[in-house]
Amino acid sequence: MQKKVSYLALWAMAWPMLLSNISVPLLGLVDTAILGHLDSAKYLAAVAMGASVIGFIYWSFNFLRMSTTASTAQAIGRDDQQESELVGFRAAIVGLFIGLILFVFHPPLVDLVVAQMGDNNEVKQLAIEYIGIRIYSAPAVLISYALIGWFIGNKQAKVPLMLVVVTNSINIVLDYTFVIHWNMNSAGAAWATLVAEYSAATLAVLFYLKHSKSPLSKLRLALNKTKLLALLAINRPLFVRTVILLGSFLFFTTQGANQGSDIVATNAIIMNLILTISFAMDGYAHACEAYCGEALGRKDMPMFFLTIRYCLHFCIGTAVLFTVFFISAQTVLISLFTTIAHIQILAAEYWIWLVIAPAISFLTYLFDGVFIAGSDTKAMQNTLIFSAFGVYFPVWYFSQGMGNHGLWLAFSCFTVARFASLYLCYRRNNTQLSWPPLQQ
């Protein structure tokens, strides 16, 4: 059992997660790049809308990944081997159940959300078609969330990397085949992603069965009522927090849609690159979750603080690299994602918001990892509520006269508020030693 932390140990955990996390938005980036080269921006706008809606639905349940990582790491810190295995199985069962419910009851939610996305009915219909295809993968996606969380908690970071390499390779090949060769446009992008998501779930289950010890024989233990209720208690604030977070992203897309399909397409390019930053930084956050969770499970505060310090150093270095890259590669990146001249001009106009994104966001991702490790889900919920309703929406309301720049200003302030409020809670928890695992 790992009882020490070092730069080398964290990097060994972080680099596979960093690569695998960067690969995740390729599901969106590949769609954006291929559709951006078609003769109309409507397909790119439709996928931007559809992906935002389906992302809102799926990522609302990303708490399965976060809580599974924390619970697994803390169980390892307590030397509870059986519980550390059952956490993943229990979360996967919950994910399957939620996924089936989503598949059955999604139509009213989709109709309600898409109705708010501007006045272009042709783009709306294409977006609804895209969502109608992607929703078939709900059970697979949520099972993957749960099992990836389990692998992270066990510090088996290379497994998620193998999963995304295989599935994104499938997505790239099928995207090109369906969209370009078969002329399926936005529907082709949806089918390609669907196949990739089921591939991920299948591989995740196979890897879990390989690493765990006869989990099917422990179904009764996995469905223990007390443990399930404890899982729900941790996840309820995370669910609220995730819904608000994704609602904020969805709000961003809908407000862009109200300014026209060209703005939607432009924002899609920049936002997908910002998501690449977040997924990269989450590589360090995941390492932080695993090691900080284990430290808190063992009540080893020196290891807890040392892990955070080392991860902070990694995050600062990566943020600097991203900033330099976005400044120096602006023309190349814009040309890569679209050949439509007026979209290229708009992307250049709003590129400054991408350039500043690494500097104002890296601490947010790191502290998310700290609070997941500490199972302080109420703080994550409450700080997100404050950041969205106390900062994001008010700033947007008063900056509407700035057009799309005002929208990006509000989103950037939202990001800063998330870190600032989490930092205050972090200091409180350290001063009062009020991290939940320390109370057990």
Protein backbone atom coordinates (compact mmCIF):
# COMPACT_ATOMS: atom_id res chain seq x y z
CA MET A 1 0.00 0.00 0.00
CA GLN A 2 1.30 3.45 -0.97
CA LYS A 3 2.03 5.50 2.16
CA LYS A 4 4.28 8.19 0.71
CA VAL A 5 3.76 10.83 -1.90
CA SER A 6 6.32 12.41 -4.20
CA TYR A 7 6.50 14.31 -7.47
CA LEU A 8 7.36 11.06 -9.23
CA ALA A 9 4.45 9.13 -7.66
CA LEU A 10 1.98 11.89 -8.51
CA TRP A 11 3.30 12.20 -12.04
CA ALA A 12 3.01 8.44 -12.52
CA MET A 13 -0.65 8.81 -11.56
CA ALA A 14 -1.26 12.11 -13.36
CA TRP A 15 0.25 11.60 -16.80
CA PRO A 16 -2.05 8.73 -17.88
CA MET A 17 -5.04 10.65 -16.54
CA LEU A 18 -3.85 13.85 -18.22
CA LEU A 19 -3.56 12.10 -21.59
CA SER A 20 -6.82 10.21 -21.17
CA ASN A 21 -8.68 13.34 -20.05
CA ILE A 22 -7.34 15.36 -22.97
CA SER A 23 -8.58 12.56 -25.22
CA VAL A 24 -12.12 12.79 -23.81
CA PRO A 25 -13.01 16.11 -25.50
CA LEU A 26 -11.76 14.63 -28.77
CA LEU A 27 -15.28 13.21 -28.99
CA GLY A 28 -16.36 16.83 -29.36
CA LEU A 29 -13.26 18.25 -31.01
CA VAL A 30 -13.28 15.68 -33.83
CA ASP A 31 -16.96 16.41 -34.48
CA THR A 32 -16.19 20.14 -34.49
CA ALA A 33 -13.22 19.82 -36.84
CA ILE A 34 -14.98 17.55 -39.37
CA LEU A 35 -18.30 19.38 -39.38
CA GLY A 36 -16.50 22.73 -39.53
CA HIS A 37 -15.26 21.76 -42.97
CA LEU A 38 -18.71 21.14 -44.43
CA ASP A 39 -20.31 23.78 -46.63
CA SER A 40 -22.70 25.07 -43.96
CA ALA A 41 -22.28 26.11 -40.33
CA LYS A 42 -25.70 24.67 -39.43
CA TYR A 43 -24.30 21.18 -38.82
CA LEU A 44 -21.59 22.49 -36.50
CA ALA A 45 -24.18 24.64 -34.68
CA ALA A 46 -26.54 21.65 -34.38
CA VAL A 47 -23.85 19.44 -32.86
CA ALA A 48 -22.81 22.27 -30.50
CA MET A 49 -26.43 22.49 -29.30
CA GLY A 50 -26.98 18.74 -29.21
CA ALA A 51 -23.71 17.99 -27.47
CA SER A 52 -24.48 20.68 -24.86
CA VAL A 53 -27.85 19.10 -24.09
CA ILE A 54 -26.57 15.52 -23.99
CA GLY A 55 -23.59 16.70 -21.97
CA PHE A 56 -25.95 18.39 -19.52
CA ILE A 57 -27.91 15.16 -19.14
CA TYR A 58 -24.91 12.84 -18.79
CA TRP A 59 -22.62 15.05 -16.73
CA SER A 60 -25.43 15.71 -14.28
CA PHE A 61 -24.60 12.20 -13.10
CA ASN A 62 -20.83 12.55 -13.14
CA PHE A 63 -21.04 12.40 -9.34
CA LEU A 64 -20.82 8.63 -9.86
CA ARG A 65 -17.20 9.07 -10.93
CA MET A 66 -16.30 11.58 -8.23
CA SER A 67 -17.87 9.83 -5.24
CA THR A 68 -16.54 6.44 -6.36
CA THR A 69 -12.99 7.77 -6.52
CA ALA A 70 -13.20 9.31 -3.05
CA SER A 71 -14.88 6.32 -1.40
CA THR A 72 -12.45 3.86 -2.98
CA ALA A 73 -9.37 5.86 -1.95
CA GLN A 74 -10.64 6.34 1.60
CA ALA A 75 -11.40 2.61 1.92
CA ILE A 76 -7.84 1.84 0.82
CA GLY A 77 -6.57 4.30 3.44
CA ARG A 78 -8.56 2.38 6.08
CA ASP A 79 -7.17 -0.96 4.76
CA ASP A 80 -10.72 -2.12 3.95
CA GLN A 81 -9.98 -4.19 0.85
CA GLN A 82 -13.45 -5.69 0.45
CA GLU A 83 -15.22 -2.34 0.59
CA SER A 84 -12.73 -0.79 -1.83
CA GLU A 85 -13.76 -3.47 -4.38
CA LEU A 86 -17.49 -3.20 -3.72
CA VAL A 87 -17.58 0.58 -4.17
CA GLY A 88 -17.08 0.26 -7.93
CA PHE A 89 -19.61 -2.54 -8.31
CA ARG A 90 -22.21 -0.63 -6.31
CA ALA A 91 -21.70 2.56 -8.31
CA ALA A 92 -21.90 0.68 -11.64
CA ILE A 93 -25.25 -0.84 -10.64
CA VAL A 94 -26.58 2.61 -9.75
CA GLY A 95 -25.24 3.97 -13.05
CA LEU A 96 -27.00 1.25 -15.07
CA PHE A 97 -30.29 1.93 -13.29
CA ILE A 98 -30.09 5.72 -13.79
CA GLY A 99 -29.07 5.25 -17.43
CA LEU A 100 -32.15 3.16 -18.18
CA ILE A 101 -34.38 5.77 -16.53
CA LEU A 102 -32.78 8.55 -18.61
CA PHE A 103 -33.33 6.60 -21.80
CA VAL A 104 -37.04 6.15 -21.05
CA PHE A 105 -37.87 9.65 -19.77
CA HIS A 106 -35.58 11.99 -21.74
CA PRO A 107 -37.99 13.37 -24.44
CA PRO A 108 -39.75 16.07 -22.33
CA LEU A 109 -36.44 17.38 -20.99
CA VAL A 110 -34.87 17.54 -24.44
CA ASP A 111 -37.86 19.34 -25.96
CA LEU A 112 -37.86 21.88 -23.13
CA VAL A 113 -34.15 22.67 -23.41
CA VAL A 114 -33.90 22.81 -27.21
CA ALA A 115 -36.92 25.13 -27.34
CA GLN A 116 -34.80 27.78 -25.61
CA MET A 117 -32.00 27.62 -28.19
CA GLY A 118 -32.65 30.47 -30.60
CA ASP A 119 -35.08 30.70 -33.53
CA ASN A 120 -33.35 28.59 -36.19
CA ASN A 121 -35.78 25.67 -36.56
CA GLU A 122 -33.55 23.80 -39.02
CA VAL A 123 -30.65 23.80 -36.56
CA LYS A 124 -33.03 22.79 -33.75
CA GLN A 125 -34.31 19.79 -35.67
CA LEU A 126 -30.77 18.65 -36.44
CA ALA A 127 -29.87 19.07 -32.76
CA ILE A 128 -32.89 17.00 -31.67
CA GLU A 129 -31.91 14.28 -34.15
CA TYR A 130 -28.37 14.27 -32.71
CA ILE A 131 -29.67 13.99 -29.13
CA GLY A 132 -32.14 11.25 -30.06
CA ILE A 133 -29.26 9.10 -31.25
CA ARG A 134 -26.80 9.86 -28.43
CA ILE A 135 -29.32 9.15 -25.65
CA TYR A 136 -29.19 5.43 -26.49
CA SER A 137 -25.78 5.33 -24.84
CA ALA A 138 -26.95 6.57 -21.41
CA PRO A 139 -26.48 3.23 -19.56
CA ALA A 140 -23.04 2.74 -21.09
CA VAL A 141 -21.86 6.26 -20.24
CA LEU A 142 -22.92 6.11 -16.59
CA ILE A 143 -21.39 2.67 -16.05
CA SER A 144 -18.16 4.05 -17.49
CA TYR A 145 -18.26 7.01 -15.09
CA ALA A 146 -18.57 4.67 -12.11
CA LEU A 147 -15.82 2.27 -13.11
CA ILE A 148 -13.39 4.97 -14.19
CA GLY A 149 -13.85 6.49 -10.73
CA TRP A 150 -13.02 3.12 -9.20
CA PHE A 151 -9.83 2.76 -11.25
CA ILE A 152 -8.73 6.28 -10.29
CA GLY A 153 -9.34 5.58 -6.60
CA ASN A 154 -7.18 2.45 -6.95
CA LYS A 155 -4.42 4.52 -8.65
CA GLN A 156 -4.77 2.39 -11.79
CA ALA A 157 -4.57 5.42 -14.04
CA LYS A 158 -3.38 3.56 -17.12
CA VAL A 159 -6.71 1.75 -17.47
CA PRO A 160 -8.74 4.93 -18.22
CA LEU A 161 -5.97 5.90 -20.64
CA MET A 162 -6.31 2.61 -22.52
CA LEU A 163 -10.09 3.04 -22.60
CA VAL A 164 -10.03 6.48 -24.18
CA VAL A 165 -7.29 5.66 -26.68
CA VAL A 166 -9.32 2.76 -28.05
CA THR A 167 -12.70 4.49 -27.98
CA ASN A 168 -11.48 7.80 -29.41
CA SER A 169 -9.73 5.93 -32.20
CA ILE A 170 -13.06 4.29 -33.00
CA ASN A 171 -14.79 7.66 -32.87
CA ILE A 172 -12.31 9.33 -35.23
CA VAL A 173 -12.53 6.56 -37.83
CA LEU A 174 -16.33 6.38 -37.69
CA ASP A 175 -16.70 10.17 -37.69
CA TYR A 176 -14.75 10.43 -40.91
CA THR A 177 -16.62 7.48 -42.44
CA PHE A 178 -20.14 8.51 -41.46
CA VAL A 179 -19.84 12.28 -41.99
CA ILE A 180 -17.54 12.58 -44.98
CA HIS A 181 -17.95 9.33 -46.94
CA TRP A 182 -21.57 8.51 -46.14
CA ASN A 183 -22.75 12.16 -46.02
CA MET A 184 -24.63 11.60 -42.73
CA ASN A 185 -23.58 15.08 -41.45
CA SER A 186 -24.52 15.76 -37.80
CA ALA A 187 -26.38 12.43 -37.45
CA GLY A 188 -23.22 10.62 -38.50
CA ALA A 189 -21.27 12.37 -35.75
CA ALA A 190 -23.86 11.18 -33.23
CA TRP A 191 -23.71 7.55 -34.36
CA ALA A 192 -19.92 7.56 -34.27
CA THR A 193 -19.90 8.83 -30.69
CA LEU A 194 -22.58 6.31 -29.68
CA VAL A 195 -20.49 3.37 -30.85
CA ALA A 196 -17.41 4.82 -29.11
CA GLU A 197 -19.30 5.18 -25.81
CA TYR A 198 -20.50 1.56 -25.82
CA SER A 199 -16.99 0.43 -26.63
CA ALA A 200 -15.75 2.32 -23.56
CA ALA A 201 -18.33 0.74 -21.28
CA THR A 202 -17.58 -2.77 -22.51
CA LEU A 203 -13.85 -2.37 -21.98
CA ALA A 204 -14.38 -0.78 -18.54
CA VAL A 205 -16.45 -3.75 -17.37
CA LEU A 206 -13.88 -6.24 -18.69
CA PHE A 207 -11.02 -4.45 -16.92
CA TYR A 208 -13.02 -4.26 -13.68
CA LEU A 209 -13.77 -8.00 -13.78
CA LYS A 210 -10.08 -8.66 -14.36
CA HIS A 211 -8.92 -6.55 -11.40
CA SER A 212 -11.60 -7.38 -8.84
CA LYS A 213 -12.19 -10.69 -7.06
CA SER A 214 -15.47 -12.40 -8.04
CA PRO A 215 -17.67 -9.28 -7.76
CA LEU A 216 -20.80 -11.07 -8.98
CA SER A 217 -20.70 -13.32 -5.93
CA LYS A 218 -20.83 -10.17 -3.77
CA LEU A 219 -23.98 -8.69 -5.31
CA ARG A 220 -25.83 -8.88 -1.99
CA LEU A 221 -23.06 -6.97 -0.21
CA ALA A 222 -22.94 -4.40 -3.01
CA LEU A 223 -26.66 -3.75 -2.61
CA ASN A 224 -26.40 -3.28 1.16
CA LYS A 225 -29.08 -0.74 2.09
CA THR A 226 -26.89 1.20 4.51
CA LYS A 227 -24.07 1.51 1.98
CA LEU A 228 -26.45 2.55 -0.79
CA LEU A 229 -27.99 5.24 1.41
CA ALA A 230 -24.50 6.49 2.32
CA LEU A 231 -23.66 6.62 -1.39
CA LEU A 232 -26.79 8.65 -2.09
CA ALA A 233 -26.08 10.99 0.83
CA ILE A 234 -22.64 11.84 -0.61
CA ASN A 235 -23.97 12.12 -4.14
CA ARG A 236 -27.02 14.31 -3.55
CA PRO A 237 -25.05 17.59 -3.15
CA LEU A 238 -22.79 16.54 -6.03
CA PHE A 239 -25.84 16.03 -8.22
CA VAL A 240 -27.14 19.52 -7.40
CA ARG A 241 -23.69 20.99 -7.94
CA THR A 242 -23.23 19.23 -11.28
CA VAL A 243 -26.68 20.22 -12.54
CA ILE A 244 -25.95 23.88 -11.78
CA LEU A 245 -22.50 23.66 -13.34
CA LEU A 246 -23.78 22.09 -16.54
CA GLY A 247 -26.76 24.41 -16.53
CA SER A 248 -24.24 27.26 -16.55
CA PHE A 249 -22.53 25.78 -19.61
CA LEU A 250 -25.91 25.19 -21.26
CA PHE A 251 -26.89 28.78 -20.48
CA PHE A 252 -23.70 29.90 -22.22
CA THR A 253 -24.64 27.91 -25.34
CA THR A 254 -28.23 29.14 -25.42
CA GLN A 255 -27.18 32.78 -25.05
CA GLY A 256 -24.72 32.30 -27.88
CA ALA A 257 -27.51 30.74 -29.96
CA ASN A 258 -29.62 33.84 -29.41
CA GLN A 259 -26.86 35.79 -31.19
CA GLY A 260 -26.95 33.54 -34.26
CA SER A 261 -25.56 30.24 -35.53
CA ASP A 262 -22.21 31.84 -36.40
CA ILE A 263 -21.65 32.79 -32.76
CA VAL A 264 -22.67 29.29 -31.66
CA ALA A 265 -20.13 27.78 -34.06
CA THR A 266 -17.41 30.22 -32.94
CA ASN A 267 -18.04 29.66 -29.25
CA ALA A 268 -18.05 25.89 -29.84
CA ILE A 269 -14.48 26.05 -31.13
CA ILE A 270 -13.21 28.11 -28.19
CA MET A 271 -15.23 26.25 -25.55
CA ASN A 272 -14.02 22.87 -26.77
CA LEU A 273 -10.44 24.08 -26.35
CA ILE A 274 -11.27 25.38 -22.86
CA LEU A 275 -12.70 21.97 -22.04
CA THR A 276 -9.38 20.53 -23.17
CA ILE A 277 -7.71 22.69 -20.50
CA SER A 278 -10.12 21.43 -17.86
CA PHE A 279 -9.64 17.80 -18.79
CA ALA A 280 -5.87 18.19 -18.73
CA MET A 281 -5.91 19.90 -15.32
CA ASP A 282 -8.25 17.21 -14.07
CA GLY A 283 -5.38 14.76 -14.58
CA TYR A 284 -3.68 16.40 -11.60
CA ALA A 285 -6.99 16.70 -9.77
CA HIS A 286 -7.53 12.95 -10.14
CA ALA A 287 -4.09 12.25 -8.70
CA CYS A 288 -4.97 14.62 -5.87
CA GLU A 289 -8.26 12.78 -5.29
CA ALA A 290 -6.57 9.39 -5.01
CA TYR A 291 -3.68 10.42 -2.75
CA CYS A 292 -5.57 12.99 -0.65
CA GLY A 293 -8.48 10.56 -0.24
CA GLU A 294 -6.13 7.86 0.99
CA ALA A 295 -4.39 10.34 3.30
CA LEU A 296 -7.67 11.44 4.85
CA GLY A 297 -8.82 7.83 5.19
CA ARG A 298 -5.62 7.21 7.19
CA LYS A 299 -5.90 10.64 8.90
CA ASP A 300 -2.43 11.51 7.60
CA MET A 301 -2.56 15.30 7.26
CA PRO A 302 1.13 15.81 6.30
CA MET A 303 0.58 13.56 3.26
CA PHE A 304 -2.64 15.45 2.50
CA PHE A 305 -0.95 18.88 2.43
CA LEU A 306 2.14 17.63 0.60
CA THR A 307 -0.03 16.12 -2.14
CA ILE A 308 -1.82 19.42 -2.66
CA ARG A 309 1.46 21.36 -2.80
CA TYR A 310 2.99 19.04 -5.41
CA CYS A 311 -0.18 19.03 -7.53
CA LEU A 312 -0.26 22.84 -7.37
CA HIS A 313 3.24 23.01 -8.84
CA PHE A 314 2.23 20.72 -11.71
CA CYS A 315 -0.91 22.79 -12.39
CA ILE A 316 1.02 26.07 -12.57
CA GLY A 317 3.50 24.66 -15.08
CA THR A 318 0.75 23.20 -17.27
CA ALA A 319 -1.24 26.46 -17.22
CA VAL A 320 1.82 28.36 -18.48
CA LEU A 321 2.34 25.85 -21.30
CA PHE A 322 -1.30 26.11 -22.38
CA THR A 323 -1.14 29.92 -22.44
CA VAL A 324 1.99 29.98 -24.57
CA PHE A 325 0.52 27.36 -26.92
CA PHE A 326 -2.76 29.24 -27.46
CA ILE A 327 -0.93 32.50 -28.18
CA SER A 328 1.57 31.01 -30.61
CA ALA A 329 -0.77 28.57 -32.39
CA GLN A 330 -3.85 30.76 -32.84
CA THR A 331 -3.89 30.80 -36.64
CA VAL A 332 -3.10 27.10 -36.96
CA LEU A 333 -5.79 26.05 -34.47
CA ILE A 334 -8.51 28.19 -36.02
CA SER A 335 -7.70 26.88 -39.50
CA LEU A 336 -7.72 23.33 -38.15
CA PHE A 337 -11.25 23.62 -36.81
CA THR A 338 -12.93 25.49 -39.65
CA THR A 339 -12.32 26.69 -43.21
CA ILE A 340 -15.37 29.00 -43.16
CA ALA A 341 -13.85 32.49 -43.51
CA HIS A 342 -16.28 34.50 -41.35
CA ILE A 343 -16.12 31.91 -38.55
CA GLN A 344 -12.31 32.19 -38.61
CA ILE A 345 -12.59 35.99 -38.23
CA LEU A 346 -15.00 35.65 -35.31
CA ALA A 347 -12.80 33.05 -33.60
CA ALA A 348 -9.82 35.40 -33.80
CA GLU A 349 -11.91 38.20 -32.28
CA TYR A 350 -12.81 36.16 -29.20
CA TRP A 351 -9.51 34.26 -28.89
CA ILE A 352 -8.37 36.41 -25.94
CA TRP A 353 -10.85 34.60 -23.67
CA LEU A 354 -9.13 31.31 -24.48
CA VAL A 355 -5.69 32.80 -23.82
CA ILE A 356 -6.59 33.90 -20.28
CA ALA A 357 -8.52 30.74 -19.45
CA PRO A 358 -5.59 28.63 -18.12
CA ALA A 359 -4.49 31.32 -15.66
CA ILE A 360 -7.94 31.88 -14.16
CA SER A 361 -9.06 28.24 -14.06
CA PHE A 362 -6.27 25.91 -12.93
CA LEU A 363 -6.86 26.45 -9.20
CA THR A 364 -10.55 25.72 -9.65
CA TYR A 365 -9.82 22.25 -11.01
CA LEU A 366 -7.24 21.50 -8.32
CA PHE A 367 -9.56 22.44 -5.46
CA ASP A 368 -12.36 20.41 -6.98
CA GLY A 369 -10.03 17.42 -6.60
CA VAL A 370 -9.24 18.30 -2.99
CA PHE A 371 -12.90 18.55 -2.01
CA ILE A 372 -13.82 15.34 -3.83
CA ALA A 373 -11.06 13.55 -1.92
CA GLY A 374 -12.40 14.99 1.32
CA SER A 375 -16.03 14.05 0.51
CA ASP A 376 -17.05 17.61 1.41
CA THR A 377 -19.76 17.61 -1.22
CA LYS A 378 -21.91 20.23 0.54
CA ALA A 379 -19.13 22.80 0.20
CA MET A 380 -18.81 21.98 -3.49
CA GLN A 381 -22.55 22.44 -3.90
CA ASN A 382 -22.81 25.69 -1.96
CA THR A 383 -19.80 27.37 -3.58
CA LEU A 384 -21.15 26.49 -7.03
CA ILE A 385 -24.57 27.96 -6.14
CA PHE A 386 -22.86 31.19 -5.03
CA SER A 387 -20.62 31.35 -8.12
CA ALA A 388 -23.52 30.83 -10.55
CA PHE A 389 -26.28 32.90 -8.97
CA GLY A 390 -24.14 35.44 -7.13
CA VAL A 391 -21.57 36.11 -9.86
CA TYR A 392 -22.15 34.48 -13.27
CA PHE A 393 -25.76 35.46 -13.97
CA PRO A 394 -25.52 38.99 -12.48
CA VAL A 395 -22.35 39.76 -14.48
CA TRP A 396 -24.01 38.46 -17.65
CA TYR A 397 -27.14 40.55 -17.00
CA PHE A 398 -25.18 43.80 -16.65
CA SER A 399 -22.81 43.08 -19.55
CA GLN A 400 -25.36 42.15 -22.22
CA GLY A 401 -24.54 45.36 -24.06
CA MET A 402 -21.09 43.89 -24.76
CA GLY A 403 -22.62 41.10 -26.83
CA ASN A 404 -20.60 37.88 -26.97
CA HIS A 405 -17.69 39.52 -25.14
CA GLY A 406 -20.06 40.14 -22.23
CA LEU A 407 -21.02 36.47 -22.24
CA TRP A 408 -17.37 35.42 -22.09
CA LEU A 409 -16.71 37.98 -19.33
CA ALA A 410 -19.49 36.48 -17.22
CA PHE A 411 -18.20 32.96 -17.77
CA SER A 412 -14.67 33.99 -16.80
CA CYS A 413 -15.89 35.68 -13.59
CA PHE A 414 -17.83 32.52 -12.80
CA THR A 415 -14.61 30.50 -13.03
CA VAL A 416 -12.73 32.84 -10.68
CA ALA A 417 -15.59 32.83 -8.17
CA ARG A 418 -15.56 29.03 -8.05
CA PHE A 419 -11.94 28.96 -6.92
CA ALA A 420 -12.18 31.88 -4.50
CA SER A 421 -15.17 30.41 -2.65
CA LEU A 422 -13.65 26.92 -2.53
CA TYR A 423 -10.42 28.34 -1.13
CA LEU A 424 -12.29 29.96 1.77
CA CYS A 425 -13.94 26.63 2.56
CA TYR A 426 -10.57 24.89 2.29
CA ARG A 427 -9.05 27.18 4.91
CA ARG A 428 -12.06 26.64 7.19
CA ASN A 429 -11.82 22.86 6.93
CA ASN A 430 -8.10 22.88 7.71
CA THR A 431 -8.47 25.24 10.65
CA GLN A 432 -11.34 23.27 12.19
CA LEU A 433 -10.20 19.82 10.95
CA SER A 434 -13.73 19.39 9.63
CA TRP A 435 -13.05 17.18 6.59
CA PRO A 436 -15.72 14.41 6.77
CA PRO A 437 -13.28 11.43 6.79
CA LEU A 438 -11.57 12.91 9.86
CA GLN A 439 -14.88 12.76 11.73
CA GLN A 440 -15.31 8.99 11.21
